[in-house]
């Protein structure tokens, strides 16, 4: 069978109507159409395939038989969903995740909080210093890059989602020549 990741090398039945396929380099869940219809439109993959790293949690959240027949898989999927798909997790469990509970939600908040700040998008270290290339809001707008020299120790203590250029860093801007 062909999958989005190549020829299937192995198939494992999760439940009737959901199979896990592996390929040479990747894999994922194939969900039969009747079960795929249980997944809300905004999260449903119309091709019925869900990759193995993160997306697999989507059918696990919305197909009740998975929770019943494979509680261990379901528990793992809940953790994955919380981290990578906080909107789905909040909908399914009717909760609002707090800061620190979801990597993706925290990352979105970081960029929202820093949308007008210079955020490093790349860095190169040499001799205890780091040259940080930064743009407003961390956008990958290579026409508006500014570069700063930062002490390596300071840079290494950056936050989870990137280095935000501080007021004191502005004096260490590397001017274009």
Foldseek 3Di string as FASTA:
>chain_A
DADPVGDFPDWDDLDVQWIWTDDPPWTWIAGHPVLLVQQDPVLGDPNRTATDPQRNLRSLLRRVVNCVRPVPVSVVSLLSCQAPPVVSNCVSVVHHDDPPRYPVVNLVVVLVVQQQFWWFLDWDDDDQKIKTWTDRSSDPPVVGTWIWIHGPVVLVPADPNTHTQDPVRVVRIDDDD
